[in-house]
N, C-alpha and C. Protein backbone atom coordinates (compact mmCIF):
# COMPACT_ATOMS: atom_id res chain seq x y z
N UNK A 1 -4.70 -4.20 38.68
CA UNK A 1 -3.64 -3.84 37.73
C UNK A 1 -3.19 -5.04 36.88
N UNK A 2 -2.96 -6.23 37.44
CA UNK A 2 -2.53 -7.34 36.58
C UNK A 2 -3.60 -7.74 35.57
N UNK A 3 -4.89 -7.46 35.85
CA UNK A 3 -5.91 -7.80 34.87
C UNK A 3 -5.89 -6.84 33.67
N UNK A 4 -5.46 -5.61 33.87
CA UNK A 4 -5.45 -4.65 32.77
C UNK A 4 -4.24 -4.82 31.85
N UNK A 5 -3.18 -5.43 32.32
CA UNK A 5 -1.99 -5.59 31.48
C UNK A 5 -2.29 -6.42 30.22
N UNK A 6 -2.95 -7.58 30.32
CA UNK A 6 -3.25 -8.34 29.09
C UNK A 6 -4.12 -7.55 28.12
N UNK A 7 -5.06 -6.76 28.64
CA UNK A 7 -5.90 -5.96 27.75
C UNK A 7 -5.05 -4.94 26.99
N UNK A 8 -4.10 -4.31 27.67
CA UNK A 8 -3.24 -3.35 26.98
C UNK A 8 -2.41 -4.05 25.91
N UNK A 9 -1.87 -5.24 26.23
CA UNK A 9 -1.09 -5.97 25.22
C UNK A 9 -1.97 -6.36 24.04
N UNK A 10 -3.23 -6.78 24.33
CA UNK A 10 -4.13 -7.14 23.23
C UNK A 10 -4.42 -5.93 22.36
N UNK A 11 -4.68 -4.78 22.98
CA UNK A 11 -4.97 -3.59 22.20
C UNK A 11 -3.76 -3.19 21.36
N UNK A 12 -2.57 -3.26 21.94
CA UNK A 12 -1.36 -2.90 21.18
C UNK A 12 -1.16 -3.85 20.01
N UNK A 13 -1.34 -5.16 20.24
CA UNK A 13 -1.15 -6.12 19.15
C UNK A 13 -2.21 -5.90 18.07
N UNK A 14 -3.46 -5.62 18.47
CA UNK A 14 -4.52 -5.40 17.47
C UNK A 14 -4.21 -4.15 16.65
N UNK A 15 -3.80 -3.08 17.32
CA UNK A 15 -3.45 -1.86 16.59
C UNK A 15 -2.27 -2.10 15.65
N UNK A 16 -1.28 -2.88 16.11
CA UNK A 16 -0.12 -3.18 15.27
C UNK A 16 -0.53 -3.96 14.03
N UNK A 17 -1.41 -4.96 14.22
CA UNK A 17 -1.87 -5.75 13.07
C UNK A 17 -2.68 -4.89 12.11
N UNK A 18 -3.51 -3.99 12.66
CA UNK A 18 -4.30 -3.11 11.79
C UNK A 18 -3.37 -2.21 10.98
N UNK A 19 -2.35 -1.67 11.63
CA UNK A 19 -1.39 -0.82 10.90
C UNK A 19 -0.70 -1.60 9.80
N UNK A 20 -0.31 -2.85 10.07
CA UNK A 20 0.37 -3.66 9.06
C UNK A 20 -0.58 -3.91 7.88
N UNK A 21 -1.83 -4.26 8.18
CA UNK A 21 -2.79 -4.54 7.10
C UNK A 21 -3.03 -3.28 6.27
N UNK A 22 -3.21 -2.14 6.92
CA UNK A 22 -3.45 -0.91 6.18
C UNK A 22 -2.25 -0.54 5.32
N UNK A 23 -1.04 -0.71 5.86
CA UNK A 23 0.15 -0.39 5.08
C UNK A 23 0.28 -1.33 3.88
N UNK A 24 -0.04 -2.61 4.06
CA UNK A 24 0.01 -3.55 2.94
C UNK A 24 -1.01 -3.18 1.87
N UNK A 25 -2.22 -2.81 2.31
CA UNK A 25 -3.26 -2.45 1.34
C UNK A 25 -2.84 -1.20 0.57
N UNK A 26 -2.36 -0.18 1.28
CA UNK A 26 -1.94 1.04 0.60
C UNK A 26 -0.75 0.78 -0.31
N UNK A 27 0.20 -0.09 0.11
CA UNK A 27 1.35 -0.41 -0.73
C UNK A 27 0.89 -1.07 -2.02
N UNK A 28 -0.03 -2.04 -1.91
CA UNK A 28 -0.53 -2.72 -3.12
C UNK A 28 -1.25 -1.72 -4.02
N UNK A 29 -2.06 -0.83 -3.42
CA UNK A 29 -2.83 0.13 -4.22
C UNK A 29 -1.89 1.08 -4.96
N UNK A 30 -0.91 1.65 -4.24
CA UNK A 30 0.00 2.58 -4.89
C UNK A 30 0.91 1.86 -5.88
N UNK A 31 1.26 0.59 -5.60
CA UNK A 31 2.09 -0.17 -6.54
C UNK A 31 1.33 -0.39 -7.85
N UNK A 32 0.04 -0.73 -7.74
CA UNK A 32 -0.77 -0.92 -8.95
C UNK A 32 -0.92 0.39 -9.71
N UNK A 33 -1.16 1.49 -9.01
CA UNK A 33 -1.31 2.78 -9.69
C UNK A 33 0.02 3.17 -10.34
N UNK A 34 1.14 2.89 -9.69
CA UNK A 34 2.44 3.21 -10.27
C UNK A 34 2.67 2.41 -11.55
N UNK A 35 2.30 1.12 -11.54
CA UNK A 35 2.44 0.31 -12.75
C UNK A 35 1.54 0.84 -13.86
N UNK A 36 0.32 1.26 -13.51
CA UNK A 36 -0.58 1.80 -14.53
C UNK A 36 -0.01 3.09 -15.11
N UNK A 37 0.58 3.93 -14.26
CA UNK A 37 1.17 5.18 -14.75
C UNK A 37 2.34 4.86 -15.69
N UNK A 38 3.15 3.87 -15.33
CA UNK A 38 4.26 3.49 -16.19
C UNK A 38 3.75 2.96 -17.53
N UNK A 39 2.68 2.16 -17.51
CA UNK A 39 2.11 1.65 -18.76
C UNK A 39 1.62 2.80 -19.63
N UNK A 40 0.92 3.76 -19.00
CA UNK A 40 0.40 4.89 -19.76
C UNK A 40 1.55 5.70 -20.35
N UNK A 41 2.59 5.94 -19.56
CA UNK A 41 3.73 6.71 -20.04
C UNK A 41 4.44 5.96 -21.17
N UNK A 42 4.54 4.63 -21.06
CA UNK A 42 5.16 3.86 -22.13
C UNK A 42 4.32 3.94 -23.40
N UNK A 43 2.99 3.89 -23.26
CA UNK A 43 2.13 3.99 -24.44
C UNK A 43 2.32 5.36 -25.09
N UNK A 44 2.37 6.43 -24.29
CA UNK A 44 2.58 7.77 -24.85
C UNK A 44 3.94 7.84 -25.54
N UNK A 45 4.96 7.23 -24.92
CA UNK A 45 6.30 7.26 -25.51
C UNK A 45 6.30 6.55 -26.86
N UNK A 46 5.64 5.38 -26.91
CA UNK A 46 5.61 4.65 -28.18
C UNK A 46 4.82 5.42 -29.24
N UNK A 47 3.73 6.07 -28.84
CA UNK A 47 2.96 6.86 -29.81
C UNK A 47 3.82 8.01 -30.34
N UNK A 48 4.55 8.68 -29.47
CA UNK A 48 5.42 9.76 -29.94
C UNK A 48 6.51 9.21 -30.84
N UNK A 49 7.03 8.03 -30.51
CA UNK A 49 8.07 7.42 -31.33
C UNK A 49 7.55 7.12 -32.73
N UNK A 50 6.34 6.58 -32.82
CA UNK A 50 5.78 6.29 -34.15
C UNK A 50 5.46 7.58 -34.89
N UNK A 51 5.05 8.63 -34.18
CA UNK A 51 4.78 9.90 -34.87
C UNK A 51 6.07 10.46 -35.47
N UNK A 52 7.15 10.40 -34.70
CA UNK A 52 8.41 10.93 -35.23
C UNK A 52 8.94 10.03 -36.34
């Protein structure tokens, strides 16, 4: 039993680090897509403004 405790802690820490990395990657990806959507919407807004 004492030999399995460190393995469980290692697995938990590895899973925790993987979750953090995945969340950071998804946050960066969605942040970039959100900025691109804002740029596109601003371009559409300016085009409509010049048309009017």
